[in-house]
């Protein structure tokens, strides 16, 4: 069980070489945890089989599997859907930030996107990928096939951070581009004008899309633990400022709390799920949030 749990830790996943392996192990570790936890009910959406055990109802035996294997298996969970999901991953320059002994926000977001795509494929949902900075970089329409998932994973594996953030403009473009109602999954540090950004999210809701937002920050961005005089550089504009962090820490943390609170309240008003995470957050936190959202759409 501990081994399965390890594959939900970003530090462990980052050591694996292949994106498909990262996605698969995160999802398998997550599913194993679900089966051993109070959240077992969430797993009704997975298509799985398990060996027949005394006491199981005979009506749940999958006779097709029996015909091929000469063994009794229970069709434990199966549900086909035609939900189309779009993963919107922010690849702007600010997503390259990482503090000591952590992975960057873009790496974290890429691994999360890969796991979500793999999870949706298991659920027989169609999934697509959009990467963006100030413009849309990549638009891969949703499909539900193994060959399609390989295309998404390859794109995530090769993704590099760069460009300025224009989240709101991107959202407005995509809201007009995506015609059929679906699930919009946003992975971003949300470094944009809050009012404009929320306006973009509202546009998705106006178009009848369901939306879940994963607000990814580095732990240092949340806690601001710097204790030496330092020069801080904007990763997108190159602007620099010399400061004594301990003198502005309290105000910085207060402003960040207010920003997060604003996102949470405004998203709730628009029936948007808002999930704040950092780059050391185990992946089951985000996958559970997604699965809760997904289950409410049935």
Protein backbone atom coordinates (compact mmCIF):
# COMPACT_ATOMS: atom_id res chain seq x y z
CA UNK A 1 0.00 0.00 0.00
CA UNK A 2 2.86 2.37 0.83
CA UNK A 3 4.37 1.72 -2.63
CA UNK A 4 1.10 2.65 -4.33
CA UNK A 5 0.92 5.77 -2.19
CA UNK A 6 4.42 6.79 -3.28
CA UNK A 7 3.21 7.10 -6.86
CA UNK A 8 0.89 9.90 -5.79
CA UNK A 9 3.83 12.01 -4.62
CA UNK A 10 5.16 14.54 -7.19
CA UNK A 11 8.76 13.98 -6.07
CA UNK A 12 8.49 10.26 -6.87
CA UNK A 13 6.73 10.72 -10.20
CA UNK A 14 9.29 13.28 -11.37
CA UNK A 15 12.01 10.61 -11.23
CA UNK A 16 10.29 8.43 -13.82
CA UNK A 17 11.45 8.85 -17.39
CA UNK A 18 8.32 8.37 -19.52
CA UNK A 19 5.14 10.44 -19.39
CA UNK A 20 2.92 7.41 -20.07
CA UNK A 21 4.49 5.60 -17.11
CA UNK A 22 3.98 8.63 -14.87
CA UNK A 23 0.31 8.88 -15.83
CA UNK A 24 -0.37 5.16 -15.43
CA UNK A 25 1.30 4.82 -12.05
CA UNK A 26 -0.41 7.91 -10.63
CA UNK A 27 -3.81 6.60 -11.70
CA UNK A 28 -3.18 3.02 -10.57
CA UNK A 29 -1.93 4.26 -7.20
CA UNK A 30 -5.00 6.46 -6.92
CA UNK A 31 -7.44 3.65 -7.79
CA UNK A 32 -5.75 1.28 -5.36
CA UNK A 33 -6.17 3.90 -2.65
CA UNK A 34 -9.84 4.35 -3.51
CA UNK A 35 -10.50 0.64 -3.13
CA UNK A 36 -8.98 0.72 0.34
CA UNK A 37 -10.57 3.92 1.55
CA UNK A 38 -13.95 5.41 2.53
CA UNK A 39 -14.07 6.89 -1.01
CA UNK A 40 -14.70 3.46 -2.53
CA UNK A 41 -18.02 4.67 -3.91
CA UNK A 42 -16.21 7.01 -6.28
CA UNK A 43 -14.83 4.08 -8.24
CA UNK A 44 -18.20 3.11 -9.71
CA UNK A 45 -17.16 4.88 -12.88
CA UNK A 46 -14.22 2.61 -13.68
CA UNK A 47 -14.54 -0.34 -16.04
CA UNK A 48 -12.87 -3.17 -14.11
CA UNK A 49 -13.16 -6.86 -13.38
CA UNK A 50 -12.24 -8.84 -10.32
CA UNK A 51 -12.25 -12.56 -9.62
CA UNK A 52 -15.53 -14.10 -8.46
CA UNK A 53 -15.69 -14.67 -4.70
CA UNK A 54 -18.14 -16.78 -2.68
CA UNK A 55 -21.14 -14.61 -1.81
CA UNK A 56 -21.04 -12.55 -5.02
CA UNK A 57 -24.26 -12.48 -7.01
CA UNK A 58 -24.13 -14.70 -10.07
CA UNK A 59 -25.91 -12.08 -12.19
CA UNK A 60 -22.79 -9.90 -12.07
CA UNK A 61 -20.54 -12.55 -13.67
CA UNK A 62 -19.14 -11.47 -17.02
CA UNK A 63 -19.84 -14.51 -19.18
CA UNK A 64 -17.85 -13.16 -22.14
CA UNK A 65 -14.73 -13.08 -20.00
CA UNK A 66 -15.55 -16.57 -18.75
CA UNK A 67 -15.79 -17.80 -22.33
CA UNK A 68 -12.29 -16.51 -23.07
CA UNK A 69 -10.54 -17.38 -19.81
CA UNK A 70 -12.60 -20.27 -18.37
CA UNK A 71 -12.63 -18.34 -15.09
CA UNK A 72 -15.37 -16.44 -13.30
CA UNK A 73 -14.96 -12.67 -13.10
CA UNK A 74 -17.32 -10.03 -11.75
CA UNK A 75 -18.03 -7.02 -13.94
CA UNK A 76 -17.53 -4.71 -11.00
CA UNK A 77 -17.97 -1.28 -12.49
CA UNK A 78 -18.87 -0.25 -15.97
CA UNK A 79 -20.37 2.90 -17.38
CA UNK A 80 -20.01 4.32 -20.86
CA UNK A 81 -20.39 8.06 -21.33
CA UNK A 82 -19.90 10.54 -24.10
CA UNK A 83 -18.58 13.39 -21.98
CA UNK A 84 -16.03 15.57 -23.74
CA UNK A 85 -13.39 17.09 -21.48
CA UNK A 86 -10.82 19.74 -22.28
CA UNK A 87 -7.66 20.09 -20.18
CA UNK A 88 -6.42 23.70 -20.37
CA UNK A 89 -2.80 23.85 -19.23
CA UNK A 90 -1.05 27.17 -18.65
CA UNK A 91 2.48 27.08 -20.13
CA UNK A 92 3.41 30.74 -19.63
CA UNK A 93 6.86 31.66 -18.30
CA UNK A 94 5.70 32.00 -14.69
CA UNK A 95 4.83 28.29 -14.67
CA UNK A 96 8.56 27.48 -14.85
CA UNK A 97 9.09 28.65 -11.26
CA UNK A 98 10.29 26.08 -8.74
CA UNK A 99 11.77 26.40 -5.28
CA UNK A 100 14.36 24.17 -3.64
CA UNK A 101 13.91 20.40 -3.99
CA UNK A 102 10.59 20.69 -5.84
CA UNK A 103 9.39 20.40 -9.41
CA UNK A 104 8.20 23.39 -11.40
CA UNK A 105 4.55 24.37 -11.61
CA UNK A 106 4.55 23.35 -15.27
CA UNK A 107 5.98 19.91 -14.49
CA UNK A 108 3.40 19.44 -11.76
CA UNK A 109 0.61 20.60 -14.06
CA UNK A 110 1.83 18.37 -16.91
CA UNK A 111 1.87 15.27 -14.69
CA UNK A 112 -1.59 16.14 -13.38
CA UNK A 113 -2.88 16.66 -16.93
CA UNK A 114 -1.38 13.33 -18.00
CA UNK A 115 -2.97 11.50 -15.06
CA UNK A 116 -6.36 13.12 -15.71
CA UNK A 117 -6.20 12.17 -19.39
CA UNK A 118 -5.30 8.58 -18.53
CA UNK A 119 -8.04 8.44 -15.91
CA UNK A 120 -10.64 9.72 -18.37
CA UNK A 121 -9.57 7.16 -20.95
CA UNK A 122 -10.23 4.44 -18.35
CA UNK A 123 -13.69 5.95 -17.88
CA UNK A 124 -14.21 5.85 -21.66
CA UNK A 125 -14.57 9.64 -21.73
CA UNK A 126 -13.19 11.73 -24.57
CA UNK A 127 -10.37 14.07 -23.54
CA UNK A 128 -8.56 16.88 -25.33
CA UNK A 129 -5.66 19.17 -24.47
CA UNK A 130 -5.10 22.90 -24.86
CA UNK A 131 -1.77 24.50 -23.95
CA UNK A 132 -1.45 28.27 -23.85
CA UNK A 133 0.46 31.35 -22.74
CA UNK A 134 -0.69 34.69 -24.20
CA UNK A 135 -1.95 32.67 -27.17
CA UNK A 136 -3.25 29.17 -27.73
CA UNK A 137 -0.21 27.00 -28.48
CA UNK A 138 -1.79 23.60 -28.97
CA UNK A 139 -5.38 22.51 -29.47
CA UNK A 140 -5.97 18.74 -29.49
CA UNK A 141 -9.71 17.96 -29.80
CA UNK A 142 -11.22 15.36 -27.46
CA UNK A 143 -11.24 11.70 -28.44
CA UNK A 144 -11.46 8.47 -26.47
CA UNK A 145 -8.75 6.21 -27.89
CA UNK A 146 -5.34 4.89 -26.91
CA UNK A 147 -3.66 6.43 -29.95
CA UNK A 148 -5.14 9.79 -29.00
CA UNK A 149 -3.85 9.61 -25.45
CA UNK A 150 -0.34 9.01 -26.79
CA UNK A 151 -0.60 12.26 -28.75
CA UNK A 152 -1.57 14.15 -25.60
CA UNK A 153 1.21 12.59 -23.52
CA UNK A 154 3.81 13.38 -26.18
CA UNK A 155 2.71 17.02 -26.22
CA UNK A 156 2.92 17.21 -22.42
CA UNK A 157 6.35 15.59 -22.41
CA UNK A 158 7.77 18.16 -24.82
CA UNK A 159 6.09 21.22 -23.31
CA UNK A 160 8.28 24.16 -22.25
CA UNK A 161 7.28 27.25 -20.32
CA UNK A 162 7.49 30.61 -22.07
CA UNK A 163 5.54 33.70 -23.02
CA UNK A 164 3.40 36.04 -20.99
CA UNK A 165 0.14 35.16 -19.28
CA UNK A 166 -3.11 36.13 -20.98
CA UNK A 167 -5.42 33.60 -19.39
CA UNK A 168 -8.59 35.65 -19.85
CA UNK A 169 -8.09 36.19 -23.59
CA UNK A 170 -7.43 32.49 -24.07
CA UNK A 171 -10.58 31.54 -22.19
CA UNK A 172 -12.74 33.85 -24.30
CA UNK A 173 -11.27 32.40 -27.51
CA UNK A 174 -11.84 28.84 -26.37
CA UNK A 175 -15.37 29.51 -25.10
CA UNK A 176 -16.27 30.56 -28.65
CA UNK A 177 -14.30 27.73 -30.26
CA UNK A 178 -15.70 24.84 -28.20
CA UNK A 179 -19.25 24.44 -29.44
CA UNK A 180 -20.44 21.29 -27.71
CA UNK A 181 -21.09 21.40 -23.96
CA UNK A 182 -18.34 19.68 -22.01
CA UNK A 183 -16.10 19.75 -18.96
CA UNK A 184 -13.37 22.41 -18.86
CA UNK A 185 -10.38 21.58 -16.62
CA UNK A 186 -8.06 24.54 -15.99
CA UNK A 187 -4.53 24.02 -14.60
CA UNK A 188 -2.81 27.37 -14.00
CA UNK A 189 -1.12 29.63 -11.46
CA UNK A 190 -3.80 32.20 -12.40
CA UNK A 191 -1.28 35.03 -12.64
CA UNK A 192 -3.56 37.39 -14.51
CA UNK A 193 -5.97 40.19 -13.70
CA UNK A 194 -8.53 38.46 -11.43
CA UNK A 195 -11.53 40.34 -12.83
CA UNK A 196 -10.62 39.54 -16.43
CA UNK A 197 -9.76 35.93 -15.59
CA UNK A 198 -13.06 35.38 -13.80
CA UNK A 199 -14.80 36.95 -16.80
CA UNK A 200 -13.22 34.29 -19.00
CA UNK A 201 -14.38 31.51 -16.68
CA UNK A 202 -17.85 33.04 -16.66
CA UNK A 203 -17.85 32.86 -20.47
CA UNK A 204 -17.43 29.07 -20.25
CA UNK A 205 -20.40 28.85 -17.89
CA UNK A 206 -22.43 31.08 -20.22
CA UNK A 207 -21.75 28.50 -22.94
CA UNK A 208 -23.11 25.79 -20.58
CA UNK A 209 -19.73 24.15 -19.89
CA UNK A 210 -18.90 22.65 -16.51
CA UNK A 211 -15.64 24.02 -15.10
CA UNK A 212 -13.06 22.95 -12.52
CA UNK A 213 -9.99 25.10 -11.79
CA UNK A 214 -6.76 23.79 -10.27
CA UNK A 215 -4.87 26.82 -8.92
CA UNK A 216 -1.23 25.65 -8.83
CA UNK A 217 1.40 27.54 -6.85
CA UNK A 218 4.81 26.67 -5.46
CA UNK A 219 4.87 26.40 -1.68
CA UNK A 220 7.36 29.27 -1.52
CA UNK A 221 4.89 31.43 -3.44
CA UNK A 222 2.31 30.69 -0.77
CA UNK A 223 4.53 31.02 2.31
CA UNK A 224 7.16 33.54 1.13
CA UNK A 225 9.80 32.09 3.52
CA UNK A 226 12.77 34.05 2.14
CA UNK A 227 14.99 35.44 4.89
CA UNK A 228 17.69 37.34 3.01
CA UNK A 229 17.74 40.56 1.06
CA UNK A 230 17.12 39.52 -2.52
CA UNK A 231 16.41 40.66 -6.04
CA UNK A 232 13.11 39.29 -7.35
CA UNK A 233 12.64 39.03 -11.10
CA UNK A 234 9.35 38.79 -12.99
CA UNK A 235 9.75 35.65 -15.12
CA UNK A 236 7.56 37.08 -17.88
CA UNK A 237 8.61 40.74 -18.11
CA UNK A 238 12.16 40.57 -16.73
CA UNK A 239 11.38 43.42 -14.32
CA UNK A 240 13.50 43.31 -11.16
CA UNK A 241 13.04 44.65 -7.66
CA UNK A 242 15.39 44.66 -4.65
CA UNK A 243 13.59 43.90 -1.41
CA UNK A 244 13.92 42.68 2.16
CA UNK A 245 11.39 39.81 2.19
CA UNK A 246 10.79 39.77 5.95
CA UNK A 247 9.48 43.34 5.78
CA UNK A 248 6.79 42.56 3.21
CA UNK A 249 6.00 38.94 4.10
CA UNK A 250 2.88 39.64 6.18
CA UNK A 251 1.36 41.96 3.58
CA UNK A 252 2.26 39.56 0.76
CA UNK A 253 0.60 36.61 2.51
CA UNK A 254 -2.46 38.71 3.32
CA UNK A 255 -2.86 39.76 -0.31
CA UNK A 256 -2.47 36.18 -1.50
CA UNK A 257 -5.10 34.97 0.98
CA UNK A 258 -7.49 37.67 -0.22
CA UNK A 259 -6.84 36.72 -3.85
CA UNK A 260 -7.47 33.04 -3.19
CA UNK A 261 -10.62 33.92 -1.24
CA UNK A 262 -11.85 36.05 -4.15
CA UNK A 263 -11.28 33.22 -6.60
CA UNK A 264 -13.05 30.77 -4.30
CA UNK A 265 -16.11 32.98 -3.71
CA UNK A 266 -16.50 34.15 -7.32
CA UNK A 267 -16.10 30.61 -8.63
CA UNK A 268 -18.70 29.34 -6.16
CA UNK A 269 -21.14 32.01 -7.35
CA UNK A 270 -20.69 30.71 -10.90
CA UNK A 271 -20.89 27.02 -9.87
CA UNK A 272 -17.23 26.51 -10.74
CA UNK A 273 -15.09 24.14 -8.66
CA UNK A 274 -11.97 25.91 -7.35
CA UNK A 275 -9.13 23.70 -6.05
CA UNK A 276 -6.00 25.42 -4.62
CA UNK A 277 -2.93 23.15 -4.66
CA UNK A 278 0.85 23.49 -4.57
CA UNK A 279 3.63 21.55 -6.25
CA UNK A 280 4.11 19.20 -3.30
CA UNK A 281 0.42 18.27 -3.06
CA UNK A 282 -0.12 14.51 -3.65
CA UNK A 283 -2.04 13.89 -6.85
CA UNK A 284 -4.95 12.09 -5.19
CA UNK A 285 -6.17 15.47 -3.86
CA UNK A 286 -6.73 16.75 -7.40
CA UNK A 287 -7.97 13.43 -8.78
CA UNK A 288 -10.55 13.15 -5.99
CA UNK A 289 -11.72 16.71 -6.72
CA UNK A 290 -12.04 15.83 -10.41
CA UNK A 291 -13.85 12.58 -9.69
CA UNK A 292 -16.31 14.38 -7.41
CA UNK A 293 -17.04 16.85 -10.19
CA UNK A 294 -17.29 14.06 -12.76
CA UNK A 295 -19.71 12.05 -10.66
CA UNK A 296 -22.06 15.02 -10.23
CA UNK A 297 -22.37 15.25 -14.01
CA UNK A 298 -23.91 11.77 -14.34
